[in-house]
Amino acid sequence: MPHQFETSEKTCDDNETPKYQNNYRMDPQNPFKIDLVDKIVKSVMNNRLDEFAYDDAETAKLCGDIATEIRRRVKKLNFDRYKIVVTVTIIEKSSQSVETTLGFLWDSERDKYSAFSFEGRTFHAQCSVFGIYYE
């Protein structure tokens, strides 16, 4: 006695593309928090520049030291997937005008920055901290 088997044919639509979902995180678990960075920048700038009088010989080293200290303290906050960039500029007050401009191309949803200005008797100081997201 012959056996009969049922067969079913599946048709595949060649125009149908498979839909995939990400199996990895796209956003940081600990995003860059501007308010925490603002507190660090304000604290360091006020402490380091409160009694400072502009001096050509000391200014370059002081800018580097302040930037290093701010960067170290911001990195301790463990913002994952962020590169930290710190710039500090000190300009002597000598009856001149100064214009500074920053330009960048970045992800407006994830990249952030903090800016702080300090006005002393003999100088003007600016600090910018950038949290740049990378995957």
N, C-alpha and C. Protein backbone atom coordinates (compact mmCIF):
# COMPACT_ATOMS: atom_id res chain seq x y z
N MET A 1 0.82 -1.16 0.00
CA MET A 1 0.00 0.00 0.00
C MET A 1 0.88 1.25 0.00
N PRO A 2 0.70 2.11 -0.96
CA PRO A 2 1.54 3.29 -1.04
C PRO A 2 1.15 4.32 0.03
N HIS A 3 2.19 5.01 0.51
CA HIS A 3 1.98 6.09 1.50
C HIS A 3 1.81 7.41 0.79
N GLN A 4 0.95 8.19 1.32
CA GLN A 4 0.77 9.52 0.75
C GLN A 4 1.26 10.57 1.76
N PHE A 5 2.06 11.47 1.27
CA PHE A 5 2.59 12.55 2.11
C PHE A 5 2.03 13.87 1.64
N GLU A 6 1.74 14.68 2.61
CA GLU A 6 1.28 16.03 2.26
C GLU A 6 2.49 16.94 2.14
N THR A 7 2.50 17.69 1.14
CA THR A 7 3.58 18.67 0.97
C THR A 7 2.98 20.06 0.91
N SER A 8 3.70 20.96 1.47
CA SER A 8 3.26 22.35 1.38
C SER A 8 4.41 23.16 0.82
N GLU A 9 4.10 23.98 -0.06
CA GLU A 9 5.12 24.82 -0.67
C GLU A 9 5.02 26.22 -0.08
N LYS A 10 6.18 26.73 0.35
CA LYS A 10 6.23 28.10 0.85
C LYS A 10 6.73 28.98 -0.27
N THR A 11 6.02 30.02 -0.46
CA THR A 11 6.47 30.96 -1.49
C THR A 11 7.22 32.10 -0.81
N CYS A 12 8.22 32.54 -1.45
CA CYS A 12 9.05 33.62 -0.91
C CYS A 12 8.97 34.80 -1.86
N ASP A 13 8.64 35.93 -1.32
CA ASP A 13 8.58 37.14 -2.13
C ASP A 13 9.98 37.74 -2.18
N ASP A 14 10.55 37.80 -3.34
CA ASP A 14 11.91 38.30 -3.49
C ASP A 14 12.02 39.79 -3.17
N ASN A 15 10.95 40.51 -3.25
CA ASN A 15 10.98 41.94 -2.97
C ASN A 15 10.89 42.25 -1.48
N GLU A 16 10.58 41.27 -0.69
CA GLU A 16 10.43 41.48 0.74
C GLU A 16 11.81 41.43 1.40
N THR A 17 12.18 42.50 2.09
CA THR A 17 13.48 42.53 2.75
C THR A 17 13.30 42.21 4.22
N PRO A 18 14.25 41.51 4.80
CA PRO A 18 14.14 41.18 6.22
C PRO A 18 14.30 42.43 7.07
N LYS A 19 13.64 42.44 8.20
CA LYS A 19 13.73 43.57 9.12
C LYS A 19 14.59 43.16 10.30
N TYR A 20 15.66 43.91 10.51
CA TYR A 20 16.58 43.62 11.59
C TYR A 20 16.43 44.67 12.68
N GLN A 21 16.73 44.28 13.90
CA GLN A 21 16.73 45.22 15.01
C GLN A 21 18.14 45.27 15.58
N ASN A 22 18.47 46.43 16.12
CA ASN A 22 19.78 46.57 16.74
C ASN A 22 19.88 45.66 17.95
N ASN A 23 21.02 45.03 18.09
CA ASN A 23 21.23 44.20 19.27
C ASN A 23 22.29 44.82 20.17
N TYR A 24 22.51 46.11 20.02
CA TYR A 24 23.46 46.82 20.86
C TYR A 24 22.88 48.18 21.21
N ARG A 25 23.44 48.78 22.25
CA ARG A 25 22.96 50.09 22.71
C ARG A 25 23.37 51.19 21.75
N MET A 26 22.47 52.08 21.49
CA MET A 26 22.78 53.23 20.64
C MET A 26 23.01 54.50 21.48
N ASP A 27 22.51 54.53 22.69
CA ASP A 27 22.64 55.71 23.54
C ASP A 27 23.48 55.37 24.76
N PRO A 28 24.15 56.37 25.34
CA PRO A 28 24.96 56.12 26.52
C PRO A 28 24.09 55.82 27.74
N GLN A 29 24.61 54.98 28.64
CA GLN A 29 23.88 54.73 29.88
C GLN A 29 24.04 55.89 30.85
N ASN A 30 25.18 56.56 30.81
CA ASN A 30 25.43 57.71 31.66
C ASN A 30 25.74 58.91 30.74
N PRO A 31 24.72 59.64 30.30
CA PRO A 31 24.95 60.73 29.35
C PRO A 31 25.66 61.93 30.00
N PHE A 32 26.26 62.75 29.17
CA PHE A 32 26.97 63.96 29.59
C PHE A 32 25.99 64.91 30.25
N LYS A 33 26.25 65.27 31.50
CA LYS A 33 25.35 66.13 32.27
C LYS A 33 26.00 67.50 32.44
N ILE A 34 25.42 68.48 31.77
CA ILE A 34 26.00 69.81 31.74
C ILE A 34 26.04 70.45 33.13
N ASP A 35 25.02 70.26 33.94
CA ASP A 35 24.99 70.91 35.26
C ASP A 35 26.13 70.44 36.15
N LEU A 36 26.49 69.16 36.10
CA LEU A 36 27.61 68.65 36.90
C LEU A 36 28.93 69.22 36.40
N VAL A 37 29.08 69.30 35.09
CA VAL A 37 30.31 69.84 34.51
C VAL A 37 30.42 71.33 34.82
N ASP A 38 29.31 72.06 34.76
CA ASP A 38 29.31 73.49 35.10
C ASP A 38 29.85 73.72 36.51
N LYS A 39 29.43 72.90 37.46
CA LYS A 39 29.90 73.04 38.85
C LYS A 39 31.40 72.83 38.96
N ILE A 40 31.91 71.82 38.25
CA ILE A 40 33.35 71.54 38.28
C ILE A 40 34.12 72.71 37.68
N VAL A 41 33.69 73.18 36.52
CA VAL A 41 34.40 74.27 35.83
C VAL A 41 34.39 75.53 36.69
N LYS A 42 33.25 75.87 37.23
CA LYS A 42 33.15 77.08 38.06
C LYS A 42 34.05 76.97 39.29
N SER A 43 34.04 75.82 39.94
CA SER A 43 34.86 75.62 41.13
C SER A 43 36.35 75.74 40.82
N VAL A 44 36.81 75.04 39.80
CA VAL A 44 38.24 75.06 39.47
C VAL A 44 38.67 76.45 39.01
N MET A 45 37.90 77.07 38.14
CA MET A 45 38.28 78.40 37.63
C MET A 45 38.32 79.42 38.77
N ASN A 46 37.32 79.42 39.65
CA ASN A 46 37.31 80.37 40.76
C ASN A 46 38.48 80.13 41.72
N ASN A 47 38.76 78.87 42.03
CA ASN A 47 39.86 78.56 42.96
C ASN A 47 41.22 78.91 42.38
N ARG A 48 41.44 78.63 41.10
CA ARG A 48 42.76 78.84 40.50
C ARG A 48 43.00 80.28 40.07
N LEU A 49 41.94 81.03 39.78
CA LEU A 49 42.13 82.38 39.22
C LEU A 49 41.75 83.51 40.17
N ASP A 50 41.27 83.18 41.36
CA ASP A 50 40.80 84.21 42.29
C ASP A 50 41.88 85.23 42.62
N GLU A 51 43.08 84.80 42.91
CA GLU A 51 44.17 85.70 43.31
C GLU A 51 45.19 85.90 42.19
N PHE A 52 44.90 85.43 41.00
CA PHE A 52 45.87 85.48 39.89
C PHE A 52 45.91 86.88 39.28
N ALA A 53 47.12 87.36 39.02
CA ALA A 53 47.33 88.60 38.26
C ALA A 53 48.04 88.19 36.98
N TYR A 54 47.63 88.75 35.86
CA TYR A 54 48.15 88.32 34.56
C TYR A 54 49.67 88.46 34.50
N ASP A 55 50.31 87.38 34.05
CA ASP A 55 51.76 87.36 33.86
C ASP A 55 52.04 86.48 32.64
N ASP A 56 52.73 87.05 31.64
CA ASP A 56 53.01 86.31 30.40
C ASP A 56 53.70 84.98 30.67
N ALA A 57 54.63 84.96 31.59
CA ALA A 57 55.43 83.76 31.84
C ALA A 57 54.60 82.63 32.45
N GLU A 58 53.62 82.96 33.25
CA GLU A 58 52.84 81.93 33.96
C GLU A 58 51.57 81.49 33.23
N THR A 59 51.05 82.32 32.37
CA THR A 59 49.71 82.11 31.81
C THR A 59 49.57 80.83 31.00
N ALA A 60 50.52 80.53 30.13
CA ALA A 60 50.41 79.32 29.29
C ALA A 60 50.38 78.06 30.15
N LYS A 61 51.27 78.00 31.14
CA LYS A 61 51.31 76.82 32.02
C LYS A 61 50.02 76.73 32.84
N LEU A 62 49.54 77.87 33.33
CA LEU A 62 48.32 77.88 34.12
C LEU A 62 47.12 77.39 33.30
N CYS A 63 47.02 77.81 32.05
CA CYS A 63 45.93 77.34 31.18
C CYS A 63 45.97 75.82 31.05
N GLY A 64 47.16 75.28 30.82
CA GLY A 64 47.31 73.82 30.70
C GLY A 64 46.96 73.10 31.99
N ASP A 65 47.40 73.65 33.12
CA ASP A 65 47.11 73.03 34.42
C ASP A 65 45.61 73.03 34.73
N ILE A 66 44.95 74.15 34.45
CA ILE A 66 43.51 74.24 34.69
C ILE A 66 42.76 73.26 33.80
N ALA A 67 43.12 73.22 32.52
CA ALA A 67 42.45 72.30 31.59
C ALA A 67 42.65 70.85 32.01
N THR A 68 43.85 70.50 32.44
CA THR A 68 44.14 69.13 32.88
C THR A 68 43.32 68.77 34.11
N GLU A 69 43.25 69.69 35.08
CA GLU A 69 42.48 69.42 36.30
C GLU A 69 40.99 69.26 36.00
N ILE A 70 40.45 70.12 35.17
CA ILE A 70 39.02 70.03 34.82
C ILE A 70 38.75 68.72 34.08
N ARG A 71 39.60 68.39 33.13
CA ARG A 71 39.41 67.15 32.36
C ARG A 71 39.46 65.92 33.27
N ARG A 72 40.42 65.91 34.20
CA ARG A 72 40.55 64.79 35.14
C ARG A 72 39.29 64.65 36.00
N ARG A 73 38.78 65.76 36.51
CA ARG A 73 37.59 65.71 37.36
C ARG A 73 36.33 65.34 36.57
N VAL A 74 36.22 65.81 35.33
CA VAL A 74 35.06 65.45 34.50
C VAL A 74 35.11 63.97 34.14
N LYS A 75 36.31 63.45 33.85
CA LYS A 75 36.43 62.03 33.51
C LYS A 75 36.04 61.13 34.69
N LYS A 76 36.21 61.62 35.91
CA LYS A 76 35.80 60.84 37.09
C LYS A 76 34.28 60.66 37.16
N LEU A 77 33.52 61.47 36.44
CA LEU A 77 32.06 61.33 36.41
C LEU A 77 31.62 60.15 35.55
N ASN A 78 32.55 59.54 34.84
CA ASN A 78 32.31 58.32 34.04
C ASN A 78 31.17 58.46 33.03
N PHE A 79 31.23 59.49 32.22
CA PHE A 79 30.28 59.60 31.12
C PHE A 79 30.73 58.60 30.06
N ASP A 80 29.98 57.50 29.92
CA ASP A 80 30.42 56.48 28.97
C ASP A 80 30.15 56.91 27.53
N ARG A 81 31.05 56.52 26.65
CA ARG A 81 30.99 56.82 25.22
C ARG A 81 31.15 58.31 24.91
N TYR A 82 31.89 59.02 25.74
CA TYR A 82 32.15 60.44 25.49
C TYR A 82 33.65 60.72 25.51
N LYS A 83 34.09 61.49 24.55
CA LYS A 83 35.44 62.05 24.56
C LYS A 83 35.30 63.43 25.20
N ILE A 84 36.24 63.77 26.07
CA ILE A 84 36.20 65.05 26.78
C ILE A 84 37.31 65.95 26.23
N VAL A 85 36.93 67.14 25.79
CA VAL A 85 37.88 68.13 25.29
C VAL A 85 37.70 69.40 26.12
N VAL A 86 38.82 69.93 26.65
CA VAL A 86 38.77 71.13 27.49
C VAL A 86 39.70 72.19 26.90
N THR A 87 39.19 73.39 26.73
CA THR A 87 40.03 74.51 26.31
C THR A 87 39.93 75.63 27.35
N VAL A 88 41.07 76.21 27.68
CA VAL A 88 41.12 77.35 28.60
C VAL A 88 41.95 78.44 27.94
N THR A 89 41.40 79.64 27.92
CA THR A 89 42.08 80.78 27.32
C THR A 89 42.09 81.93 28.33
N ILE A 90 43.27 82.52 28.52
CA ILE A 90 43.40 83.69 29.39
C ILE A 90 43.96 84.83 28.55
N ILE A 91 43.28 85.96 28.57
CA ILE A 91 43.65 87.12 27.75
C ILE A 91 43.87 88.32 28.67
N GLU A 92 44.98 89.00 28.47
CA GLU A 92 45.28 90.18 29.28
C GLU A 92 44.37 91.33 28.89
N LYS A 93 43.92 92.06 29.90
CA LYS A 93 43.14 93.28 29.65
C LYS A 93 44.12 94.41 29.40
N SER A 94 44.14 94.91 28.17
CA SER A 94 45.03 96.04 27.88
C SER A 94 44.38 96.93 26.82
N SER A 95 43.15 97.31 27.07
CA SER A 95 42.38 98.22 26.21
C SER A 95 42.25 97.73 24.78
N GLN A 96 42.06 96.44 24.60
CA GLN A 96 41.84 95.89 23.27
C GLN A 96 40.49 95.19 23.26
N SER A 97 40.01 94.91 22.07
CA SER A 97 38.79 94.12 21.98
C SER A 97 39.16 92.74 21.44
N VAL A 98 38.41 91.76 21.87
CA VAL A 98 38.68 90.38 21.48
C VAL A 98 37.36 89.73 21.09
N GLU A 99 37.39 89.00 20.01
CA GLU A 99 36.21 88.24 19.59
C GLU A 99 36.64 86.79 19.40
N THR A 100 35.93 85.89 20.05
CA THR A 100 36.22 84.46 19.89
C THR A 100 35.01 83.77 19.29
N THR A 101 35.28 82.79 18.45
CA THR A 101 34.22 82.05 17.79
C THR A 101 34.55 80.57 17.82
N LEU A 102 33.54 79.77 18.06
CA LEU A 102 33.69 78.32 17.98
C LEU A 102 32.78 77.80 16.90
N GLY A 103 33.27 76.86 16.14
CA GLY A 103 32.44 76.22 15.12
C GLY A 103 32.67 74.72 15.16
N PHE A 104 31.63 73.95 15.00
CA PHE A 104 31.77 72.50 15.04
C PHE A 104 30.62 71.83 14.34
N LEU A 105 30.85 70.60 13.98
CA LEU A 105 29.83 69.76 13.37
C LEU A 105 29.63 68.60 14.32
N TRP A 106 28.40 68.45 14.85
CA TRP A 106 28.20 67.38 15.81
C TRP A 106 26.77 66.92 15.87
N ASP A 107 26.55 65.91 16.68
CA ASP A 107 25.23 65.33 16.88
C ASP A 107 24.51 66.17 17.93
N SER A 108 23.50 66.91 17.52
CA SER A 108 22.83 67.83 18.44
C SER A 108 22.05 67.13 19.55
N GLU A 109 21.77 65.86 19.41
CA GLU A 109 21.04 65.13 20.45
C GLU A 109 21.97 64.60 21.54
N ARG A 110 23.21 64.27 21.19
CA ARG A 110 24.09 63.60 22.15
C ARG A 110 25.29 64.44 22.58
N ASP A 111 25.84 65.25 21.68
CA ASP A 111 27.01 66.05 22.01
C ASP A 111 26.59 67.27 22.82
N LYS A 112 27.40 67.61 23.82
CA LYS A 112 27.06 68.72 24.72
C LYS A 112 28.32 69.52 25.03
N TYR A 113 28.13 70.73 25.56
CA TYR A 113 29.27 71.51 26.02
C TYR A 113 28.87 72.42 27.17
N SER A 114 29.89 72.82 27.91
CA SER A 114 29.73 73.74 29.02
C SER A 114 30.73 74.88 28.81
N ALA A 115 30.30 76.10 29.04
CA ALA A 115 31.19 77.26 28.87
C ALA A 115 31.13 78.13 30.13
N PHE A 116 32.27 78.71 30.48
CA PHE A 116 32.36 79.55 31.67
C PHE A 116 33.35 80.68 31.40
N SER A 117 33.01 81.88 31.85
CA SER A 117 33.90 83.04 31.72
C SER A 117 34.21 83.58 33.11
N PHE A 118 35.45 84.01 33.28
CA PHE A 118 35.90 84.58 34.55
C PHE A 118 36.56 85.91 34.26
N GLU A 119 36.14 86.93 34.98
CA GLU A 119 36.68 88.28 34.78
C GLU A 119 37.53 88.65 35.99
N GLY A 120 38.84 88.81 35.76
CA GLY A 120 39.75 89.25 36.82
C GLY A 120 40.08 90.72 36.64
N ARG A 121 40.90 91.26 37.54
CA ARG A 121 41.29 92.67 37.43
C ARG A 121 42.14 92.93 36.20
N THR A 122 43.05 92.00 35.89
CA THR A 122 44.01 92.22 34.81
C THR A 122 43.84 91.27 33.62
N PHE A 123 42.82 90.45 33.66
CA PHE A 123 42.66 89.45 32.60
C PHE A 123 41.19 89.02 32.47
N HIS A 124 40.95 88.34 31.37
CA HIS A 124 39.65 87.70 31.12
C HIS A 124 39.96 86.25 30.77
N ALA A 125 39.24 85.30 31.38
CA ALA A 125 39.48 83.87 31.13
C ALA A 125 38.20 83.21 30.64
N GLN A 126 38.36 82.28 29.71
CA GLN A 126 37.24 81.49 29.18
C GLN A 126 37.61 80.02 29.24
N CYS A 127 36.63 79.20 29.57
CA CYS A 127 36.82 77.76 29.57
C CYS A 127 35.63 77.11 28.87
N SER A 128 35.93 76.17 27.99
CA SER A 128 34.89 75.38 27.31
C SER A 128 35.21 73.91 27.50
N VAL A 129 34.19 73.14 27.88
CA VAL A 129 34.33 71.69 28.03
C VAL A 129 33.34 71.04 27.07
N PHE A 130 33.84 70.20 26.20
CA PHE A 130 33.01 69.52 25.20
C PHE A 130 32.92 68.04 25.54
N GLY A 131 31.70 67.52 25.56
CA GLY A 131 31.46 66.09 25.68
C GLY A 131 31.01 65.60 24.32
N ILE A 132 31.90 64.92 23.61
CA ILE A 132 31.63 64.49 22.23
C ILE A 132 31.35 63.00 22.23
N TYR A 133 30.15 62.63 21.83
CA TYR A 133 29.71 61.24 21.84
C TYR A 133 30.40 60.44 20.73
N TYR A 134 30.82 59.24 21.08
CA TYR A 134 31.33 58.33 20.05
C TYR A 134 30.81 56.93 20.35
N GLU A 135 30.61 56.13 19.29
CA GLU A 135 30.05 54.79 19.46
C GLU A 135 31.14 53.78 19.62
